[in-house]
Protein backbone atom coordinates (compact mmCIF):
# COMPACT_ATOMS: atom_id res chain seq x y z
CA UNK A 1 0.00 0.00 0.00
CA UNK A 2 2.96 2.30 0.52
CA UNK A 3 3.61 2.30 -3.23
CA UNK A 4 0.04 2.54 -4.54
CA UNK A 5 -1.92 4.00 -1.63
CA UNK A 6 -3.98 7.13 -1.98
CA UNK A 7 -6.70 8.42 -4.23
CA UNK A 8 -4.72 9.02 -7.42
CA UNK A 9 -1.95 6.45 -7.77
CA UNK A 10 -4.21 3.49 -8.63
CA UNK A 11 -5.99 5.65 -11.24
CA UNK A 12 -2.72 6.73 -12.82
CA UNK A 13 -1.50 3.14 -12.95
CA UNK A 14 -4.82 1.93 -14.37
CA UNK A 15 -4.63 4.48 -17.20
CA UNK A 16 -1.15 3.23 -18.10
CA UNK A 17 -2.35 -0.35 -18.69
CA UNK A 18 -1.82 -1.40 -22.27
CA UNK A 19 0.27 1.40 -23.69
CA UNK A 20 2.58 4.28 -22.78
CA UNK A 21 0.98 7.69 -22.43
CA UNK A 22 2.32 11.19 -22.85
CA UNK A 23 2.32 13.24 -19.69
CA UNK A 24 -0.44 15.64 -20.75
CA UNK A 25 -2.62 12.88 -22.17
CA UNK A 26 -2.29 10.87 -18.96
CA UNK A 27 -3.08 13.81 -16.72
CA UNK A 28 -6.13 14.81 -18.78
CA UNK A 29 -7.49 11.25 -18.61
CA UNK A 30 -7.73 11.53 -14.80
CA UNK A 31 -10.55 13.91 -14.02
CA UNK A 32 -9.98 16.19 -11.04
CA UNK A 33 -6.26 15.66 -10.42
CA UNK A 34 -4.21 18.83 -10.00
CA UNK A 35 -0.89 19.31 -11.76
CA UNK A 36 0.94 19.33 -8.42
CA UNK A 37 -0.61 16.07 -7.20
CA UNK A 38 -0.10 14.41 -10.58
CA UNK A 39 3.57 15.37 -10.62
CA UNK A 40 4.15 14.24 -7.03
CA UNK A 41 2.33 10.93 -7.56
CA UNK A 42 4.02 10.04 -10.83
CA UNK A 43 7.47 10.90 -9.39
CA UNK A 44 6.84 8.74 -6.32
CA UNK A 45 5.78 5.82 -8.52
CA UNK A 46 8.80 6.34 -10.77
CA UNK A 47 11.06 6.32 -7.71
CA UNK A 48 9.32 3.15 -6.45
CA UNK A 49 9.97 1.40 -9.75
CA UNK A 50 6.33 1.12 -10.85
CA UNK A 51 6.48 3.65 -13.67
CA UNK A 52 9.08 4.33 -16.33
CA UNK A 53 9.64 7.89 -17.58
CA UNK A 54 11.05 8.34 -21.06
CA UNK A 55 12.10 11.77 -22.27
CA UNK A 56 12.35 12.34 -26.03
CA UNK A 57 14.84 14.94 -27.24
CA UNK A 58 12.48 17.26 -29.06
CA UNK A 59 11.21 20.82 -28.87
CA UNK A 60 8.98 21.05 -26.96
CA UNK A 61 10.16 18.14 -24.82
CA UNK A 62 8.03 15.02 -25.02
CA UNK A 63 7.72 12.86 -21.89
CA UNK A 64 6.08 9.46 -21.97
CA UNK A 65 5.17 7.20 -19.05
CA UNK A 66 4.71 3.45 -19.06
CA UNK A 67 4.42 0.64 -16.54
CA UNK A 68 7.59 -1.19 -15.57
CA UNK A 69 7.67 -4.95 -15.03
CA UNK A 70 6.83 -4.31 -11.37
CA UNK A 71 4.00 -1.97 -12.40
CA UNK A 72 2.66 -4.59 -14.82
CA UNK A 73 2.49 -7.08 -11.94
CA UNK A 74 -0.24 -4.86 -10.44
CA UNK A 75 -2.55 -5.15 -13.47
CA UNK A 76 -4.66 -8.03 -12.06
CA UNK A 77 -5.12 -6.10 -8.81
CA UNK A 78 -6.02 -2.86 -10.59
CA UNK A 79 -8.51 -4.65 -12.87
CA UNK A 80 -10.08 -6.42 -9.87
CA UNK A 81 -10.48 -3.06 -8.12
CA UNK A 82 -12.07 -1.62 -11.27
CA UNK A 83 -14.48 -4.57 -11.55
CA UNK A 84 -15.40 -4.26 -7.89
CA UNK A 85 -15.98 -0.52 -8.25
CA UNK A 86 -18.33 -1.09 -11.19
CA UNK A 87 -20.51 -3.43 -9.13
CA UNK A 88 -20.49 -1.42 -5.90
CA UNK A 89 -23.81 0.43 -5.61
CA UNK A 90 -23.16 4.20 -5.41
CA UNK A 91 -26.13 4.65 -3.03
CA UNK A 92 -24.49 2.40 -0.45
CA UNK A 93 -21.40 4.59 -0.42
CA UNK A 94 -23.38 7.73 0.42
CA UNK A 95 -25.29 5.88 3.15
CA UNK A 96 -22.00 4.85 4.76
CA UNK A 97 -20.75 8.45 4.72
CA UNK A 98 -23.92 9.62 6.53
CA UNK A 99 -23.34 7.08 9.30
CA UNK A 100 -19.77 8.20 10.02
PDB file of N, CA and C in Angstrom:
ATOM      1  N   UNK A   1       0.819  -1.200   0.000  1.00  0.00           N
ATOM      2  CA  UNK A   1       0.000   0.000   0.000  1.00  0.00           C
ATOM      3  C   UNK A   1       0.863   1.265   0.000  1.00  0.00           C
ATOM      4  N   UNK A   2       2.074   1.140   0.507  1.00  0.00           N
ATOM      5  CA  UNK A   2       2.962   2.302   0.518  1.00  0.00           C
ATOM      6  C   UNK A   2       3.214   2.817  -0.897  1.00  0.00           C
ATOM      7  N   UNK A   3       3.305   1.908  -1.860  1.00  0.00           N
ATOM      8  CA  UNK A   3       3.606   2.301  -3.234  1.00  0.00           C
ATOM      9  C   UNK A   3       2.392   2.777  -4.012  1.00  0.00           C
ATOM     10  N   UNK A   4       1.211   2.219  -3.726  1.00  0.00           N
ATOM     11  CA  UNK A   4       0.035   2.543  -4.545  1.00  0.00           C
ATOM     12  C   UNK A   4      -1.111   3.143  -3.738  1.00  0.00           C
ATOM     13  N   UNK A   5      -0.872   3.445  -2.466  1.00  0.00           N
ATOM     14  CA  UNK A   5      -1.923   4.001  -1.626  1.00  0.00           C
ATOM     15  C   UNK A   5      -2.307   5.411  -2.044  1.00  0.00           C
ATOM     16  N   UNK A   6      -3.494   5.792  -1.678  1.00  0.00           N
ATOM     17  CA  UNK A   6      -3.981   7.128  -1.978  1.00  0.00           C
ATOM     18  C   UNK A   6      -5.067   7.112  -3.038  1.00  0.00           C
ATOM     19  N   UNK A   7      -5.581   8.270  -3.300  1.00  0.00           N
ATOM     20  CA  UNK A   7      -6.698   8.416  -4.234  1.00  0.00           C
ATOM     21  C   UNK A   7      -6.258   8.317  -5.694  1.00  0.00           C
ATOM     22  N   UNK A   8      -5.090   8.830  -6.024  1.00  0.00           N
ATOM     23  CA  UNK A   8      -4.723   9.022  -7.422  1.00  0.00           C
ATOM     24  C   UNK A   8      -3.804   7.961  -8.013  1.00  0.00           C
ATOM     25  N   UNK A   9      -2.929   7.389  -7.218  1.00  0.00           N
ATOM     26  CA  UNK A   9      -1.952   6.449  -7.770  1.00  0.00           C
ATOM     27  C   UNK A   9      -2.593   5.255  -8.491  1.00  0.00           C
ATOM     28  N   UNK A  10      -3.595   4.595  -7.894  1.00  0.00           N
ATOM     29  CA  UNK A  10      -4.215   3.486  -8.632  1.00  0.00           C
ATOM     30  C   UNK A  10      -4.826   3.937  -9.962  1.00  0.00           C
ATOM     31  N   UNK A  11      -5.400   5.135  -9.992  1.00  0.00           N
ATOM     32  CA  UNK A  11      -5.989   5.645 -11.239  1.00  0.00           C
ATOM     33  C   UNK A  11      -4.916   5.902 -12.292  1.00  0.00           C
ATOM     34  N   UNK A  12      -3.814   6.479 -11.882  1.00  0.00           N
ATOM     35  CA  UNK A  12      -2.717   6.731 -12.822  1.00  0.00           C
ATOM     36  C   UNK A  12      -2.217   5.406 -13.385  1.00  0.00           C
ATOM     37  N   UNK A  13      -1.978   4.449 -12.503  1.00  0.00           N
ATOM     38  CA  UNK A  13      -1.499   3.136 -12.951  1.00  0.00           C
ATOM     39  C   UNK A  13      -2.500   2.476 -13.886  1.00  0.00           C
ATOM     40  N   UNK A  14      -3.783   2.547 -13.551  1.00  0.00           N
ATOM     41  CA  UNK A  14      -4.823   1.932 -14.371  1.00  0.00           C
ATOM     42  C   UNK A  14      -4.817   2.521 -15.784  1.00  0.00           C
ATOM     43  N   UNK A  15      -4.633   3.823 -15.891  1.00  0.00           N
ATOM     44  CA  UNK A  15      -4.632   4.479 -17.202  1.00  0.00           C
ATOM     45  C   UNK A  15      -3.372   4.170 -18.016  1.00  0.00           C
ATOM     46  N   UNK A  16      -2.379   3.610 -17.384  1.00  0.00           N
ATOM     47  CA  UNK A  16      -1.155   3.227 -18.102  1.00  0.00           C
ATOM     48  C   UNK A  16      -1.195   1.777 -18.601  1.00  0.00           C
ATOM     49  N   UNK A  17      -2.238   1.041 -18.234  1.00  0.00           N
ATOM     50  CA  UNK A  17      -2.349  -0.348 -18.692  1.00  0.00           C
ATOM     51  C   UNK A  17      -2.488  -0.368 -20.204  1.00  0.00           C
ATOM     52  N   UNK A  18      -1.690  -1.184 -20.834  1.00  0.00           N
ATOM     53  CA  UNK A  18      -1.820  -1.397 -22.274  1.00  0.00           C
ATOM     54  C   UNK A  18      -0.867  -0.627 -23.151  1.00  0.00           C
ATOM     55  N   UNK A  19      -0.614   0.629 -22.816  1.00  0.00           N
ATOM     56  CA  UNK A  19       0.270   1.404 -23.686  1.00  0.00           C
ATOM     57  C   UNK A  19       0.831   2.608 -22.945  1.00  0.00           C
ATOM     58  N   UNK A  20       2.004   3.062 -23.374  1.00  0.00           N
ATOM     59  CA  UNK A  20       2.578   4.278 -22.781  1.00  0.00           C
ATOM     60  C   UNK A  20       1.695   5.487 -23.092  1.00  0.00           C
ATOM     61  N   UNK A  21       1.762   6.477 -22.228  1.00  0.00           N
ATOM     62  CA  UNK A  21       0.977   7.693 -22.425  1.00  0.00           C
ATOM     63  C   UNK A  21       1.879   8.906 -22.225  1.00  0.00           C
ATOM     64  N   UNK A  22       1.630   9.919 -23.042  1.00  0.00           N
ATOM     65  CA  UNK A  22       2.318  11.189 -22.851  1.00  0.00           C
ATOM     66  C   UNK A  22       1.802  11.835 -21.574  1.00  0.00           C
ATOM     67  N   UNK A  23       2.633  12.630 -20.970  1.00  0.00           N
ATOM     68  CA  UNK A  23       2.322  13.243 -19.692  1.00  0.00           C
ATOM     69  C   UNK A  23       0.979  13.983 -19.706  1.00  0.00           C
ATOM     70  N   UNK A  24       0.799  14.869 -20.671  1.00  0.00           N
ATOM     71  CA  UNK A  24      -0.443  15.645 -20.748  1.00  0.00           C
ATOM     72  C   UNK A  24      -1.661  14.781 -20.994  1.00  0.00           C
ATOM     73  N   UNK A  25      -1.517  13.799 -21.865  1.00  0.00           N
ATOM     74  CA  UNK A  25      -2.619  12.877 -22.168  1.00  0.00           C
ATOM     75  C   UNK A  25      -3.021  12.095 -20.916  1.00  0.00           C
ATOM     76  N   UNK A  26      -2.030  11.633 -20.177  1.00  0.00           N
ATOM     77  CA  UNK A  26      -2.286  10.868 -18.965  1.00  0.00           C
ATOM     78  C   UNK A  26      -2.985  11.731 -17.924  1.00  0.00           C
ATOM     79  N   UNK A  27      -2.481  12.923 -17.721  1.00  0.00           N
ATOM     80  CA  UNK A  27      -3.079  13.807 -16.715  1.00  0.00           C
ATOM     81  C   UNK A  27      -4.516  14.174 -17.083  1.00  0.00           C
ATOM     82  N   UNK A  28      -4.782  14.446 -18.355  1.00  0.00           N
ATOM     83  CA  UNK A  28      -6.135  14.809 -18.783  1.00  0.00           C
ATOM     84  C   UNK A  28      -7.111  13.647 -18.652  1.00  0.00           C
ATOM     85  N   UNK A  29      -6.607  12.416 -18.703  1.00  0.00           N
ATOM     86  CA  UNK A  29      -7.490  11.254 -18.606  1.00  0.00           C
ATOM     87  C   UNK A  29      -7.970  11.005 -17.178  1.00  0.00           C
ATOM     88  N   UNK A  30      -7.374  11.715 -16.208  1.00  0.00           N
ATOM     89  CA  UNK A  30      -7.730  11.529 -14.802  1.00  0.00           C
ATOM     90  C   UNK A  30      -8.431  12.790 -14.316  1.00  0.00           C
ATOM     91  N   UNK A  31      -9.721  12.753 -14.347  1.00  0.00           N
ATOM     92  CA  UNK A  31     -10.552  13.907 -14.020  1.00  0.00           C
ATOM     93  C   UNK A  31     -10.359  14.343 -12.562  1.00  0.00           C
ATOM     94  N   UNK A  32     -10.047  15.617 -12.373  1.00  0.00           N
ATOM     95  CA  UNK A  32      -9.978  16.192 -11.039  1.00  0.00           C
ATOM     96  C   UNK A  32      -8.600  16.236 -10.399  1.00  0.00           C
ATOM     97  N   UNK A  33      -7.596  15.654 -11.012  1.00  0.00           N
ATOM     98  CA  UNK A  33      -6.263  15.664 -10.420  1.00  0.00           C
ATOM     99  C   UNK A  33      -5.550  16.976 -10.761  1.00  0.00           C
ATOM    100  N   UNK A  34      -4.932  17.580  -9.755  1.00  0.00           N
ATOM    101  CA  UNK A  34      -4.208  18.827 -10.004  1.00  0.00           C
ATOM    102  C   UNK A  34      -2.830  18.503 -10.575  1.00  0.00           C
ATOM    103  N   UNK A  35      -2.222  19.481 -11.194  1.00  0.00           N
ATOM    104  CA  UNK A  35      -0.892  19.311 -11.762  1.00  0.00           C
ATOM    105  C   UNK A  35       0.114  18.931 -10.683  1.00  0.00           C
ATOM    106  N   UNK A  36       0.025  19.584  -9.521  1.00  0.00           N
ATOM    107  CA  UNK A  36       0.943  19.330  -8.415  1.00  0.00           C
ATOM    108  C   UNK A  36       0.826  17.888  -7.925  1.00  0.00           C
ATOM    109  N   UNK A  37      -0.392  17.429  -7.702  1.00  0.00           N
ATOM    110  CA  UNK A  37      -0.606  16.071  -7.195  1.00  0.00           C
ATOM    111  C   UNK A  37      -0.206  15.042  -8.244  1.00  0.00           C
ATOM    112  N   UNK A  38      -0.513  15.319  -9.516  1.00  0.00           N
ATOM    113  CA  UNK A  38      -0.105  14.409 -10.582  1.00  0.00           C
ATOM    114  C   UNK A  38       1.412  14.263 -10.602  1.00  0.00           C
ATOM    115  N   UNK A  39       2.113  15.378 -10.571  1.00  0.00           N
ATOM    116  CA  UNK A  39       3.574  15.368 -10.624  1.00  0.00           C
ATOM    117  C   UNK A  39       4.164  14.634  -9.423  1.00  0.00           C
ATOM    118  N   UNK A  40       3.652  14.915  -8.230  1.00  0.00           N
ATOM    119  CA  UNK A  40       4.150  14.238  -7.027  1.00  0.00           C
ATOM    120  C   UNK A  40       3.901  12.734  -7.097  1.00  0.00           C
ATOM    121  N   UNK A  41       2.701  12.345  -7.503  1.00  0.00           N
ATOM    122  CA  UNK A  41       2.331  10.934  -7.556  1.00  0.00           C
ATOM    123  C   UNK A  41       3.151  10.175  -8.582  1.00  0.00           C
ATOM    124  N   UNK A  42       3.294  10.739  -9.772  1.00  0.00           N
ATOM    125  CA  UNK A  42       4.024  10.043 -10.835  1.00  0.00           C
ATOM    126  C   UNK A  42       5.508   9.934 -10.466  1.00  0.00           C
ATOM    127  N   UNK A  43       6.057  10.948  -9.824  1.00  0.00           N
ATOM    128  CA  UNK A  43       7.466  10.898  -9.394  1.00  0.00           C
ATOM    129  C   UNK A  43       7.674   9.836  -8.321  1.00  0.00           C
ATOM    130  N   UNK A  44       6.740   9.757  -7.368  1.00  0.00           N
ATOM    131  CA  UNK A  44       6.841   8.736  -6.322  1.00  0.00           C
ATOM    132  C   UNK A  44       6.778   7.330  -6.922  1.00  0.00           C
ATOM    133  N   UNK A  45       5.900   7.139  -7.895  1.00  0.00           N
ATOM    134  CA  UNK A  45       5.783   5.819  -8.518  1.00  0.00           C
ATOM    135  C   UNK A  45       6.984   5.508  -9.404  1.00  0.00           C
ATOM    136  N   UNK A  46       7.567   6.533  -9.994  1.00  0.00           N
ATOM    137  CA  UNK A  46       8.798   6.344 -10.769  1.00  0.00           C
ATOM    138  C   UNK A  46       9.935   5.937  -9.818  1.00  0.00           C
ATOM    139  N   UNK A  47      10.039   6.621  -8.705  1.00  0.00           N
ATOM    140  CA  UNK A  47      11.062   6.320  -7.709  1.00  0.00           C
ATOM    141  C   UNK A  47      10.885   4.908  -7.139  1.00  0.00           C
ATOM    142  N   UNK A  48       9.620   4.477  -6.986  1.00  0.00           N
ATOM    143  CA  UNK A  48       9.317   3.147  -6.451  1.00  0.00           C
ATOM    144  C   UNK A  48       9.522   2.036  -7.468  1.00  0.00           C
ATOM    145  N   UNK A  49       9.740   2.402  -8.720  1.00  0.00           N
ATOM    146  CA  UNK A  49       9.974   1.401  -9.748  1.00  0.00           C
ATOM    147  C   UNK A  49       8.719   0.868 -10.411  1.00  0.00           C
ATOM    148  N   UNK A  50       7.591   1.555 -10.230  1.00  0.00           N
ATOM    149  CA  UNK A  50       6.334   1.125 -10.845  1.00  0.00           C
ATOM    150  C   UNK A  50       6.131   1.717 -12.234  1.00  0.00           C
ATOM    151  N   UNK A  51       6.695   2.903 -12.442  1.00  0.00           N
ATOM    152  CA  UNK A  51       6.477   3.654 -13.673  1.00  0.00           C
ATOM    153  C   UNK A  51       7.826   4.031 -14.284  1.00  0.00           C
ATOM    154  N   UNK A  52       7.896   3.926 -15.584  1.00  0.00           N
ATOM    155  CA  UNK A  52       9.083   4.327 -16.327  1.00  0.00           C
ATOM    156  C   UNK A  52       8.794   5.670 -17.005  1.00  0.00           C
ATOM    157  N   UNK A  53       9.755   6.577 -16.943  1.00  0.00           N
ATOM    158  CA  UNK A  53       9.638   7.895 -17.578  1.00  0.00           C
ATOM    159  C   UNK A  53      10.657   7.958 -18.704  1.00  0.00           C
ATOM    160  N   UNK A  54      10.164   8.235 -19.904  1.00  0.00           N
ATOM    161  CA  UNK A  54      11.053   8.338 -21.060  1.00  0.00           C
ATOM    162  C   UNK A  54      10.931   9.749 -21.632  1.00  0.00           C
ATOM    163  N   UNK A  55      12.065  10.418 -21.732  1.00  0.00           N
ATOM    164  CA  UNK A  55      12.102  11.772 -22.269  1.00  0.00           C
ATOM    165  C   UNK A  55      12.654  11.713 -23.687  1.00  0.00           C
ATOM    166  N   UNK A  56      11.918  12.286 -24.634  1.00  0.00           N
ATOM    167  CA  UNK A  56      12.345  12.338 -26.027  1.00  0.00           C
ATOM    168  C   UNK A  56      12.994  13.683 -26.296  1.00  0.00           C
ATOM    169  N   UNK A  57      14.149  13.679 -26.958  1.00  0.00           N
ATOM    170  CA  UNK A  57      14.842  14.944 -27.239  1.00  0.00           C
ATOM    171  C   UNK A  57      14.161  15.688 -28.385  1.00  0.00           C
ATOM    172  N   UNK A  58      13.193  16.483 -28.045  1.00  0.00           N
ATOM    173  CA  UNK A  58      12.481  17.259 -29.062  1.00  0.00           C
ATOM    174  C   UNK A  58      12.113  18.609 -28.467  1.00  0.00           C
ATOM    175  N   UNK A  59      11.663  19.507 -29.317  1.00  0.00           N
ATOM    176  CA  UNK A  59      11.205  20.821 -28.873  1.00  0.00           C
ATOM    177  C   UNK A  59       9.761  20.964 -29.324  1.00  0.00           C
ATOM    178  N   UNK A  60       8.826  21.120 -28.410  1.00  0.00           N
ATOM    179  CA  UNK A  60       8.983  21.050 -26.958  1.00  0.00           C
ATOM    180  C   UNK A  60       9.282  19.624 -26.505  1.00  0.00           C
ATOM    181  N   UNK A  61       9.815  19.474 -25.304  1.00  0.00           N
ATOM    182  CA  UNK A  61      10.163  18.144 -24.823  1.00  0.00           C
ATOM    183  C   UNK A  61       8.922  17.241 -24.729  1.00  0.00           C
ATOM    184  N   UNK A  62       9.113  16.006 -25.093  1.00  0.00           N
ATOM    185  CA  UNK A  62       8.033  15.023 -25.021  1.00  0.00           C
ATOM    186  C   UNK A  62       8.404  14.017 -23.937  1.00  0.00           C
ATOM    187  N   UNK A  63       7.503  13.813 -22.978  1.00  0.00           N
ATOM    188  CA  UNK A  63       7.719  12.858 -21.894  1.00  0.00           C
ATOM    189  C   UNK A  63       6.616  11.814 -21.981  1.00  0.00           C
ATOM    190  N   UNK A  64       7.028  10.566 -21.874  1.00  0.00           N
ATOM    191  CA  UNK A  64       6.081   9.459 -21.970  1.00  0.00           C
ATOM    192  C   UNK A  64       6.258   8.550 -20.760  1.00  0.00           C
ATOM    193  N   UNK A  65       5.138   8.098 -20.195  1.00  0.00           N
ATOM    194  CA  UNK A  65       5.166   7.205 -19.046  1.00  0.00           C
ATOM    195  C   UNK A  65       4.611   5.845 -19.444  1.00  0.00           C
ATOM    196  N   UNK A  66       5.190   4.810 -18.833  1.00  0.00           N
ATOM    197  CA  UNK A  66       4.715   3.448 -19.058  1.00  0.00           C
ATOM    198  C   UNK A  66       4.913   2.656 -17.771  1.00  0.00           C
ATOM    199  N   UNK A  67       4.253   1.517 -17.689  1.00  0.00           N
ATOM    200  CA  UNK A  67       4.424   0.643 -16.538  1.00  0.00           C
ATOM    201  C   UNK A  67       5.725  -0.154 -16.679  1.00  0.00           C
ATOM    202  N   UNK A  68       6.423  -0.323 -15.595  1.00  0.00           N
ATOM    203  CA  UNK A  68       7.593  -1.192 -15.569  1.00  0.00           C
ATOM    204  C   UNK A  68       7.111  -2.629 -15.368  1.00  0.00           C
ATOM    205  N   UNK A  69       8.035  -3.562 -15.309  1.00  0.00           N
ATOM    206  CA  UNK A  69       7.667  -4.953 -15.033  1.00  0.00           C
ATOM    207  C   UNK A  69       6.958  -5.048 -13.677  1.00  0.00           C
ATOM    208  N   UNK A  70       7.472  -4.330 -12.687  1.00  0.00           N
ATOM    209  CA  UNK A  70       6.831  -4.309 -11.369  1.00  0.00           C
ATOM    210  C   UNK A  70       5.434  -3.695 -11.460  1.00  0.00           C
ATOM    211  N   UNK A  71       5.310  -2.602 -12.208  1.00  0.00           N
ATOM    212  CA  UNK A  71       4.002  -1.973 -12.401  1.00  0.00           C
ATOM    213  C   UNK A  71       3.026  -2.905 -13.104  1.00  0.00           C
ATOM    214  N   UNK A  72       3.506  -3.630 -14.107  1.00  0.00           N
ATOM    215  CA  UNK A  72       2.659  -4.589 -14.816  1.00  0.00           C
ATOM    216  C   UNK A  72       2.168  -5.697 -13.904  1.00  0.00           C
ATOM    217  N   UNK A  73       2.929  -6.028 -12.869  1.00  0.00           N
ATOM    218  CA  UNK A  73       2.492  -7.076 -11.944  1.00  0.00           C
ATOM    219  C   UNK A  73       1.260  -6.664 -11.147  1.00  0.00           C
ATOM    220  N   UNK A  74       0.947  -5.365 -11.139  1.00  0.00           N
ATOM    221  CA  UNK A  74      -0.239  -4.862 -10.436  1.00  0.00           C
ATOM    222  C   UNK A  74      -1.508  -4.898 -11.287  1.00  0.00           C
ATOM    223  N   UNK A  75      -1.392  -5.198 -12.577  1.00  0.00           N
ATOM    224  CA  UNK A  75      -2.551  -5.154 -13.473  1.00  0.00           C
ATOM    225  C   UNK A  75      -3.713  -6.005 -12.963  1.00  0.00           C
ATOM    226  N   UNK A  76      -3.508  -7.258 -12.546  1.00  0.00           N
ATOM    227  CA  UNK A  76      -4.658  -8.029 -12.056  1.00  0.00           C
ATOM    228  C   UNK A  76      -5.345  -7.380 -10.853  1.00  0.00           C
ATOM    229  N   UNK A  77      -4.557  -6.776  -9.978  1.00  0.00           N
ATOM    230  CA  UNK A  77      -5.124  -6.105  -8.807  1.00  0.00           C
ATOM    231  C   UNK A  77      -5.911  -4.873  -9.228  1.00  0.00           C
ATOM    232  N   UNK A  78      -5.342  -4.071 -10.125  1.00  0.00           N
ATOM    233  CA  UNK A  78      -6.022  -2.858 -10.593  1.00  0.00           C
ATOM    234  C   UNK A  78      -7.312  -3.197 -11.318  1.00  0.00           C
ATOM    235  N   UNK A  79      -7.296  -4.251 -12.149  1.00  0.00           N
ATOM    236  CA  UNK A  79      -8.506  -4.654 -12.867  1.00  0.00           C
ATOM    237  C   UNK A  79      -9.561  -5.190 -11.904  1.00  0.00           C
ATOM    238  N   UNK A  80      -9.136  -5.920 -10.878  1.00  0.00           N
ATOM    239  CA  UNK A  80     -10.082  -6.422  -9.872  1.00  0.00           C
ATOM    240  C   UNK A  80     -10.722  -5.264  -9.117  1.00  0.00           C
ATOM    241  N   UNK A  81      -9.929  -4.246  -8.791  1.00  0.00           N
ATOM    242  CA  UNK A  81     -10.476  -3.065  -8.119  1.00  0.00           C
ATOM    243  C   UNK A  81     -11.479  -2.347  -9.019  1.00  0.00           C
ATOM    244  N   UNK A  82     -11.166  -2.251 -10.313  1.00  0.00           N
ATOM    245  CA  UNK A  82     -12.069  -1.623 -11.271  1.00  0.00           C
ATOM    246  C   UNK A  82     -13.372  -2.409 -11.374  1.00  0.00           C
ATOM    247  N   UNK A  83     -13.284  -3.732 -11.477  1.00  0.00           N
ATOM    248  CA  UNK A  83     -14.477  -4.574 -11.553  1.00  0.00           C
ATOM    249  C   UNK A  83     -15.325  -4.424 -10.297  1.00  0.00           C
ATOM    250  N   UNK A  84     -14.673  -4.420  -9.144  1.00  0.00           N
ATOM    251  CA  UNK A  84     -15.398  -4.261  -7.888  1.00  0.00           C
ATOM    252  C   UNK A  84     -16.098  -2.897  -7.844  1.00  0.00           C
ATOM    253  N   UNK A  85     -15.398  -1.866  -8.257  1.00  0.00           N
ATOM    254  CA  UNK A  85     -15.976  -0.516  -8.252  1.00  0.00           C
ATOM    255  C   UNK A  85     -17.183  -0.389  -9.165  1.00  0.00           C
ATOM    256  N   UNK A  86     -17.194  -1.135 -10.261  1.00  0.00           N
ATOM    257  CA  UNK A  86     -18.328  -1.089 -11.189  1.00  0.00           C
ATOM    258  C   UNK A  86     -19.563  -1.778 -10.626  1.00  0.00           C
ATOM    259  N   UNK A  87     -19.374  -2.713  -9.695  1.00  0.00           N
ATOM    260  CA  UNK A  87     -20.508  -3.431  -9.133  1.00  0.00           C
ATOM    261  C   UNK A  87     -20.963  -2.859  -7.798  1.00  0.00           C
ATOM    262  N   UNK A  88     -20.156  -2.004  -7.197  1.00  0.00           N
ATOM    263  CA  UNK A  88     -20.487  -1.419  -5.904  1.00  0.00           C
ATOM    264  C   UNK A  88     -21.575  -0.377  -6.085  1.00  0.00           C
ATOM    265  N   UNK A  89     -22.726  -0.540  -5.419  1.00  0.00           N
ATOM    266  CA  UNK A  89     -23.815   0.432  -5.610  1.00  0.00           C
ATOM    267  C   UNK A  89     -23.456   1.810  -5.050  1.00  0.00           C
ATOM    268  N   UNK A  90     -23.512   2.856  -5.880  1.00  0.00           N
ATOM    269  CA  UNK A  90     -23.156   4.201  -5.410  1.00  0.00           C
ATOM    270  C   UNK A  90     -23.999   4.662  -4.223  1.00  0.00           C
ATOM    271  N   UNK A  91     -25.273   4.230  -4.148  1.00  0.00           N
ATOM    272  CA  UNK A  91     -26.127   4.650  -3.031  1.00  0.00           C
ATOM    273  C   UNK A  91     -25.576   4.163  -1.706  1.00  0.00           C
ATOM    274  N   UNK A  92     -25.026   2.962  -1.688  1.00  0.00           N
ATOM    275  CA  UNK A  92     -24.489   2.400  -0.449  1.00  0.00           C
ATOM    276  C   UNK A  92     -23.343   3.243   0.079  1.00  0.00           C
ATOM    277  N   UNK A  93     -22.538   3.769  -0.830  1.00  0.00           N
ATOM    278  CA  UNK A  93     -21.395   4.588  -0.425  1.00  0.00           C
ATOM    279  C   UNK A  93     -21.875   5.842   0.294  1.00  0.00           C
ATOM    280  N   UNK A  94     -22.909   6.515  -0.235  1.00  0.00           N
ATOM    281  CA  UNK A  94     -23.379   7.731   0.417  1.00  0.00           C
ATOM    282  C   UNK A  94     -24.052   7.426   1.744  1.00  0.00           C
ATOM    283  N   UNK A  95     -24.700   6.254   1.873  1.00  0.00           N
ATOM    284  CA  UNK A  95     -25.293   5.879   3.147  1.00  0.00           C
ATOM    285  C   UNK A  95     -24.221   5.678   4.203  1.00  0.00           C
ATOM    286  N   UNK A  96     -23.092   5.070   3.823  1.00  0.00           N
ATOM    287  CA  UNK A  96     -21.999   4.853   4.761  1.00  0.00           C
ATOM    288  C   UNK A  96     -21.403   6.169   5.239  1.00  0.00           C
ATOM    289  N   UNK A  97     -21.314   7.150   4.345  1.00  0.00           N
ATOM    290  CA  UNK A  97     -20.750   8.446   4.722  1.00  0.00           C
ATOM    291  C   UNK A  97     -21.652   9.152   5.738  1.00  0.00           C
ATOM    292  N   UNK A  98     -22.984   8.990   5.610  1.00  0.00           N
ATOM    293  CA  UNK A  98     -23.923   9.618   6.527  1.00  0.00           C
ATOM    294  C   UNK A  98     -23.789   9.031   7.930  1.00  0.00           C
ATOM    295  N   UNK A  99     -23.434   7.744   8.005  1.00  0.00           N
ATOM    296  CA  UNK A  99     -23.341   7.077   9.298  1.00  0.00           C
ATOM    297  C   UNK A  99     -22.032   7.344  10.021  1.00  0.00           C
ATOM    298  N   UNK A 100     -21.074   7.960   9.375  1.00  0.00           N
ATOM    299  CA  UNK A 100     -19.770   8.201  10.016  1.00  0.00           C
ATOM    300  C   UNK A 100     -19.773   9.440  10.856  1.00  0.00           C
TER     301      UNK A 100
END
